Amino acid sequence: MKLGAFSILFNDLPLPDTLDIFAGLGLACVEVGSSGYSRSNHIRLDALYENRAEIKAYEKVFRDRGITISALNAAGNPIHPNAEIAAAHHAGFEKSVVVAAELGVPVVNALSGVPGGSPKDQTPNWIVSPWPEEFYKAWQYQWNDVLLPYWQKADDFAKRYGVKIAIEPHPNFCVYNVESMLRLRGEIGENLGCNFDLSHFLWQGVDPVVAIQALGDTIFHCHAKDVKVSSHIVAQNGILDPKPYSSFRSRAWNFRGCGYGNGADIWRGVISALAEIRFHGTISIEHEDALLTRREGLEKAVAFLRGVIIQEPVETMWWEMRPEG
């Protein structure tokens, strides 16, 4: 396993300065936000797409610091019921795939997206209950008429360029848990997998170790982000909470830096589960903790994860390597 970080954390800094911070912390990889909600100042996507001659110059910035790109992140909503938003996010996804192929980046991270509840809607609609019955019908429409047709075409496009798609299961989108992730992959194929972020599973009450075991080789890439559930608020109001992240003290759950939401035992279990499924990819730190500055949060996450990460999962047990006799 390789330890990296999501560059969007320092989106206000030039790319070289951001990479210098990462290199100074000994990180091996960087995930670059390329389009959609993850559009960043660290890649001129249109320029790279339209002028492939710029690819080598862009690669050199990373190579000079001994850093590789683990993924381009095109997290957006390409099936948004607003046609303009959908078109922009779709175009960003396709350009990200083409540029990833030119850069030799193996995977583009994405969100599944979520449409409206009908062709007439203009607002995304995340369905979490089958009653009244129109919600169940809306959920069927979303999957059968919008989600599956879109990702079948998108996956065909990515395969032509030799790039894998990693969907991040995320609440408020059609794919948000193990079941929905496996359903989409089962319908689309093995080139589409998962960008696993345990924080989104934890606050939903999902055991991340069980989730990893179920997802198996579906996992192409990982985000490292923690979450803290406020049990006293959940006891009164339940876990669902649309209040803004700025309402930190009154929310049922909040994103935290690695180790600040759950202890090392939870993270050791997660890392061990990843080793068990032979995950050799990148653990990319995504800092979204409102109580820690960006620099401190990143530094503490790096130190914490170094204490639990398994860099080279064993392929053969030691006793299988003993000489006979």
Protein backbone atom coordinates (compact mmCIF):
# COMPACT_ATOMS: atom_id res chain seq x y z
CA MET A 1 0.00 0.00 0.00
CA LYS A 2 1.18 3.50 -0.79
CA LEU A 3 0.39 6.60 1.26
CA GLY A 4 -0.68 9.74 -0.56
CA ALA A 5 -2.98 12.72 -0.27
CA PHE A 6 -5.63 14.64 -2.19
CA SER A 7 -4.01 17.81 -3.53
CA ILE A 8 -7.22 19.86 -3.36
CA LEU A 9 -6.41 20.43 0.32
CA PHE A 10 -4.00 23.16 -0.80
CA ASN A 11 -5.97 24.38 -3.78
CA ASP A 12 -4.96 27.97 -3.09
CA LEU A 13 -1.29 27.11 -3.57
CA PRO A 14 0.48 26.49 -6.88
CA LEU A 15 0.97 22.83 -7.74
CA PRO A 16 4.76 22.87 -7.19
CA ASP A 17 4.35 24.32 -3.70
CA THR A 18 1.71 21.72 -2.85
CA LEU A 19 3.91 18.89 -4.07
CA ASP A 20 6.82 20.25 -2.07
CA ILE A 21 4.68 19.94 1.08
CA PHE A 22 3.73 16.38 0.21
CA ALA A 23 7.31 15.40 -0.71
CA GLY A 24 8.54 16.93 2.55
CA LEU A 25 6.22 14.57 4.41
CA GLY A 26 7.52 11.61 2.45
CA LEU A 27 4.28 10.93 0.57
CA ALA A 28 4.58 8.73 -2.49
CA CYS A 29 1.43 9.69 -4.36
CA VAL A 30 -0.97 12.52 -5.00
CA GLU A 31 -4.58 12.46 -6.13
CA VAL A 32 -5.42 15.45 -8.32
CA GLY A 33 -8.89 16.97 -8.51
CA SER A 34 -9.64 17.35 -12.21
CA SER A 35 -13.31 18.23 -12.70
CA GLY A 36 -16.82 18.42 -11.27
CA TYR A 37 -17.01 19.13 -7.55
CA SER A 38 -13.30 18.27 -7.32
CA ARG A 39 -12.13 20.73 -9.97
CA SER A 40 -8.85 22.22 -8.76
CA ASN A 41 -6.16 24.68 -9.70
CA HIS A 42 -3.60 21.88 -9.79
CA ILE A 43 -4.39 20.74 -13.31
CA ARG A 44 -5.24 22.67 -16.46
CA LEU A 45 -7.48 19.92 -17.75
CA ASP A 46 -8.60 21.64 -20.93
CA ALA A 47 -5.04 22.60 -21.83
CA LEU A 48 -3.77 19.04 -21.34
CA TYR A 49 -6.72 17.63 -23.25
CA GLU A 50 -6.33 19.98 -26.19
CA ASN A 51 -2.53 20.08 -26.33
CA ARG A 52 -0.93 16.76 -25.47
CA ALA A 53 2.50 18.40 -25.77
CA GLU A 54 1.91 19.85 -22.30
CA ILE A 55 1.65 16.37 -20.80
CA LYS A 56 5.42 15.88 -20.45
CA ALA A 57 5.90 19.24 -18.77
CA TYR A 58 3.09 18.43 -16.34
CA GLU A 59 4.55 14.99 -15.57
CA LYS A 60 7.96 16.53 -14.88
CA VAL A 61 6.59 18.60 -11.99
CA PHE A 62 5.70 15.34 -10.22
CA ARG A 63 8.71 13.34 -11.36
CA ASP A 64 11.16 15.95 -10.10
CA ARG A 65 9.78 15.42 -6.59
CA GLY A 66 9.58 11.63 -6.74
CA ILE A 67 5.79 11.66 -6.61
CA THR A 68 3.34 9.75 -8.80
CA ILE A 69 -0.32 10.51 -9.50
CA SER A 70 -2.57 7.87 -7.93
CA ALA A 71 -5.76 9.09 -9.58
CA LEU A 72 -7.54 11.99 -11.18
CA ASN A 73 -10.68 12.88 -9.26
CA ALA A 74 -13.64 13.82 -11.46
CA ALA A 75 -16.26 13.64 -8.71
CA GLY A 76 -19.41 15.22 -10.09
CA ASN A 77 -23.01 14.51 -10.98
CA PRO A 78 -23.04 13.63 -14.70
CA ILE A 79 -26.69 12.54 -14.41
CA HIS A 80 -27.84 15.74 -12.72
CA PRO A 81 -31.43 16.65 -13.70
CA ASN A 82 -30.17 20.09 -14.75
CA ALA A 83 -28.90 19.38 -18.25
CA GLU A 84 -26.21 22.08 -18.17
CA ILE A 85 -24.68 20.75 -14.95
CA ALA A 86 -24.87 17.17 -16.20
CA ALA A 87 -23.19 18.09 -19.50
CA ALA A 88 -20.38 19.99 -17.79
CA HIS A 89 -19.66 17.17 -15.34
CA HIS A 90 -19.85 14.55 -18.09
CA ALA A 91 -17.42 16.51 -20.27
CA GLY A 92 -15.05 16.87 -17.31
CA PHE A 93 -15.21 13.13 -16.67
CA GLU A 94 -14.41 12.24 -20.29
CA LYS A 95 -11.55 14.75 -20.47
CA SER A 96 -10.21 13.35 -17.20
CA VAL A 97 -10.21 9.84 -18.68
CA VAL A 98 -8.34 10.96 -21.79
CA VAL A 99 -5.77 12.96 -19.81
CA ALA A 100 -5.35 10.12 -17.29
CA ALA A 101 -4.52 7.77 -20.16
CA GLU A 102 -1.93 10.22 -21.52
CA LEU A 103 -0.38 10.60 -18.06
CA GLY A 104 -0.36 6.86 -17.39
CA VAL A 105 -2.71 7.32 -14.43
CA PRO A 106 -4.61 4.04 -13.94
CA VAL A 107 -7.86 5.27 -12.43
CA VAL A 108 -10.32 8.15 -12.48
CA ASN A 109 -12.29 8.58 -9.26
CA ALA A 110 -15.92 9.60 -9.58
CA LEU A 111 -19.31 9.75 -7.89
CA SER A 112 -22.20 7.75 -9.26
CA GLY A 113 -24.39 10.84 -9.48
CA VAL A 114 -28.09 11.09 -8.72
CA PRO A 115 -30.88 12.28 -11.02
CA GLY A 116 -34.24 13.75 -10.15
CA GLY A 117 -37.20 11.59 -9.31
CA SER A 118 -38.65 11.92 -12.82
CA PRO A 119 -37.64 13.32 -16.24
CA LYS A 120 -39.37 16.59 -15.31
CA ASP A 121 -37.40 17.24 -12.10
CA GLN A 122 -34.70 19.90 -11.88
CA THR A 123 -33.43 18.97 -8.42
CA PRO A 124 -31.50 15.78 -7.52
CA ASN A 125 -33.48 13.37 -5.37
CA TRP A 126 -31.79 10.83 -3.08
CA ILE A 127 -34.32 8.08 -2.31
CA VAL A 128 -33.93 6.46 1.12
CA SER A 129 -37.40 4.92 1.68
CA PRO A 130 -39.90 3.07 -0.57
CA TRP A 131 -43.06 4.71 0.79
CA PRO A 132 -45.15 6.51 -0.31
CA GLU A 133 -45.03 4.35 -3.42
CA GLU A 134 -43.98 7.14 -5.78
CA PHE A 135 -40.57 7.16 -4.08
CA TYR A 136 -40.02 3.49 -4.93
CA LYS A 137 -41.04 4.16 -8.52
CA ALA A 138 -38.69 7.14 -8.62
CA TRP A 139 -35.83 4.97 -7.34
CA GLN A 140 -36.50 2.41 -10.09
CA TYR A 141 -36.54 5.18 -12.69
CA GLN A 142 -33.23 6.55 -11.42
CA TRP A 143 -31.44 3.23 -11.71
CA ASN A 144 -33.04 1.69 -14.78
CA ASP A 145 -33.59 4.74 -16.96
CA VAL A 146 -30.70 7.01 -16.00
CA LEU A 147 -27.87 5.57 -13.86
CA LEU A 148 -27.24 2.24 -15.56
CA PRO A 149 -27.44 3.52 -19.16
CA TYR A 150 -25.09 6.40 -18.34
CA TRP A 151 -22.40 4.32 -16.66
CA GLN A 152 -22.52 1.62 -19.31
CA LYS A 153 -21.59 4.20 -21.94
CA ALA A 154 -19.09 5.92 -19.63
CA ASP A 155 -17.40 2.61 -18.85
CA ASP A 156 -17.18 1.72 -22.55
CA PHE A 157 -15.48 5.07 -23.10
CA ALA A 158 -12.99 4.55 -20.25
CA LYS A 159 -12.13 1.03 -21.41
CA ARG A 160 -11.17 2.36 -24.84
CA TYR A 161 -8.46 4.38 -23.10
CA GLY A 162 -7.38 1.66 -20.69
CA VAL A 163 -8.52 3.63 -17.63
CA LYS A 164 -10.45 2.20 -14.68
CA ILE A 165 -13.34 4.03 -12.98
CA ALA A 166 -13.52 4.10 -9.17
CA ILE A 167 -16.91 5.16 -7.83
CA GLU A 168 -16.89 6.58 -4.30
CA PRO A 169 -19.96 5.33 -2.42
CA HIS A 170 -21.34 8.54 -0.97
CA PRO A 171 -24.67 9.46 0.65
CA ASN A 172 -26.87 11.76 -1.48
CA PHE A 173 -25.90 9.74 -4.57
CA CYS A 174 -27.32 6.51 -6.01
CA VAL A 175 -24.27 4.51 -4.98
CA TYR A 176 -23.74 5.04 -1.25
CA ASN A 177 -23.16 1.62 0.36
CA VAL A 178 -21.89 -1.90 -0.37
CA GLU A 179 -25.11 -3.17 -1.94
CA SER A 180 -25.49 -0.27 -4.37
CA MET A 181 -21.76 -0.38 -5.24
CA LEU A 182 -21.87 -4.09 -6.03
CA ARG A 183 -25.09 -3.70 -7.97
CA LEU A 184 -23.59 -1.04 -10.23
CA ARG A 185 -20.40 -3.04 -10.79
CA GLY A 186 -22.43 -6.20 -11.43
CA GLU A 187 -24.45 -4.43 -14.10
CA ILE A 188 -21.54 -2.57 -15.72
CA GLY A 189 -18.48 -4.80 -15.40
CA GLU A 190 -15.10 -5.22 -13.75
CA ASN A 191 -13.53 -2.06 -15.18
CA LEU A 192 -15.75 -0.11 -12.77
CA GLY A 193 -14.84 -0.40 -9.11
CA CYS A 194 -14.79 1.44 -5.80
CA ASN A 195 -12.93 4.38 -4.28
CA PHE A 196 -13.36 3.30 -0.65
CA ASP A 197 -13.79 6.03 1.97
CA LEU A 198 -14.54 4.47 5.36
CA SER A 199 -15.90 7.76 6.77
CA HIS A 200 -19.03 7.56 4.62
CA PHE A 201 -19.66 4.00 5.77
CA LEU A 202 -19.00 4.62 9.45
CA TRP A 203 -21.60 7.31 10.02
CA GLN A 204 -24.21 5.16 8.30
CA GLY A 205 -23.53 2.45 10.89
CA VAL A 206 -21.64 0.17 8.51
CA ASP A 207 -18.68 -1.85 9.78
CA PRO A 208 -15.87 -0.84 7.37
CA VAL A 209 -14.09 -4.19 7.77
CA VAL A 210 -17.23 -6.08 6.75
CA ALA A 211 -17.67 -3.64 3.87
CA ILE A 212 -14.10 -4.20 2.63
CA GLN A 213 -14.49 -7.96 2.84
CA ALA A 214 -17.69 -7.76 0.79
CA LEU A 215 -16.24 -5.38 -1.80
CA GLY A 216 -13.00 -7.32 -2.22
CA ASP A 217 -11.17 -6.67 -5.47
CA THR A 218 -13.82 -4.11 -6.37
CA ILE A 219 -11.67 -1.60 -4.43
CA PHE A 220 -9.31 0.29 -6.78
CA HIS A 221 -8.39 3.28 -4.58
CA CYS A 222 -8.96 4.48 -1.01
CA HIS A 223 -9.59 7.76 0.78
CA ALA A 224 -8.36 8.17 4.33
CA LYS A 225 -10.80 10.30 6.32
CA ASP A 226 -12.31 9.74 9.75
CA VAL A 227 -15.71 10.58 11.22
CA LYS A 228 -16.96 11.16 14.75
CA VAL A 229 -20.53 10.22 15.63
CA SER A 230 -22.03 12.23 18.51
CA SER A 231 -23.94 9.50 20.31
CA HIS A 232 -25.89 11.90 22.54
CA ILE A 233 -27.31 13.68 19.48
CA VAL A 234 -28.00 10.42 17.66
CA ALA A 235 -29.84 9.12 20.73
CA GLN A 236 -32.26 12.02 20.42
CA ASN A 237 -32.48 12.77 16.69
CA GLY A 238 -31.01 9.82 14.81
CA ILE A 239 -28.08 9.83 12.40
CA LEU A 240 -29.50 11.71 9.39
CA ASP A 241 -28.46 15.35 9.61
CA PRO A 242 -28.68 18.00 6.85
CA LYS A 243 -27.28 20.83 8.98
CA PRO A 244 -24.18 22.51 7.46
CA TYR A 245 -20.74 21.27 8.45
CA SER A 246 -20.16 24.62 10.12
CA SER A 247 -22.74 23.60 12.77
CA PHE A 248 -20.08 21.31 14.22
CA ARG A 249 -21.31 21.14 17.80
CA SER A 250 -24.94 20.39 16.94
CA ARG A 251 -24.44 17.83 14.18
CA ALA A 252 -25.02 14.10 14.66
CA TRP A 253 -21.68 13.37 12.99
CA ASN A 254 -18.66 15.25 11.70
CA PHE A 255 -15.67 14.47 9.53
CA ARG A 256 -12.44 14.27 11.53
CA GLY A 257 -8.78 13.75 10.83
CA CYS A 258 -7.48 10.19 10.82
CA GLY A 259 -7.46 8.88 14.38
CA TYR A 260 -9.59 11.70 15.79
CA GLY A 261 -12.89 9.99 15.11
CA ASN A 262 -11.96 6.37 15.69
CA GLY A 263 -8.94 4.89 17.41
CA ALA A 264 -6.02 2.95 16.01
CA ASP A 265 -7.78 -0.39 16.57
CA ILE A 266 -10.48 0.51 14.03
CA TRP A 267 -7.89 1.68 11.52
CA ARG A 268 -5.70 -1.39 12.05
CA GLY A 269 -8.74 -3.51 11.30
CA VAL A 270 -9.42 -1.53 8.11
CA ILE A 271 -5.82 -1.72 6.92
CA SER A 272 -5.64 -5.43 7.75
CA ALA A 273 -8.85 -6.04 5.81
CA LEU A 274 -7.34 -4.21 2.82
CA ALA A 275 -4.22 -6.37 3.11
CA GLU A 276 -6.40 -9.46 3.29
CA ILE A 277 -8.00 -8.66 -0.08
CA ARG A 278 -4.50 -7.95 -1.49
CA PHE A 279 -5.05 -4.24 -2.00
CA HIS A 280 -1.80 -2.75 -3.32
CA GLY A 281 -3.12 0.68 -4.24
CA THR A 282 -3.06 4.13 -2.66
CA ILE A 283 -4.44 5.33 0.65
CA SER A 284 -5.12 9.00 -0.17
CA ILE A 285 -5.55 11.37 2.77
CA GLU A 286 -8.59 13.62 2.37
CA HIS A 287 -8.54 16.20 5.15
CA GLU A 288 -11.94 17.72 6.04
CA ASP A 289 -11.61 18.23 9.80
CA ALA A 290 -13.03 21.58 10.96
CA LEU A 291 -10.96 21.48 14.18
CA LEU A 292 -7.54 21.01 12.61
CA THR A 293 -5.74 23.35 10.25
CA ARG A 294 -4.88 21.95 6.86
CA ARG A 295 -1.18 21.57 7.57
CA GLU A 296 -1.60 20.16 11.06
CA GLY A 297 -4.37 17.84 9.93
CA LEU A 298 -2.26 16.48 7.09
CA GLU A 299 0.83 16.07 9.24
CA LYS A 300 -1.08 14.28 11.99
CA ALA A 301 -2.84 12.02 9.46
CA VAL A 302 0.49 11.05 7.89
CA ALA A 303 2.02 10.25 11.28
CA PHE A 304 -1.05 8.29 12.38
CA LEU A 305 -1.40 6.25 9.20
CA ARG A 306 2.30 5.43 9.10
CA GLY A 307 1.74 3.66 12.40
CA VAL A 308 -0.99 1.38 11.04
CA ILE A 309 -0.45 1.05 7.28
CA ILE A 310 0.87 -2.21 5.81
CA GLN A 311 3.07 -1.15 2.93
CA GLU A 312 3.68 -4.60 1.46
CA PRO A 313 0.91 -7.14 2.21
CA VAL A 314 2.43 -10.61 2.24
CA GLU A 315 1.66 -12.96 -0.63
CA THR A 316 3.17 -16.04 1.02
CA MET A 317 3.16 -16.98 4.70
CA TRP A 318 6.61 -17.25 6.31
CA TRP A 319 6.14 -20.93 7.15
CA GLU A 320 5.52 -21.65 3.47
CA MET A 321 9.01 -20.32 2.71
CA ARG A 322 10.91 -22.66 5.07
CA PRO A 323 13.16 -25.27 3.45
CA GLU A 324 11.83 -28.80 3.61
CA GLY A 325 13.33 -31.33 5.97
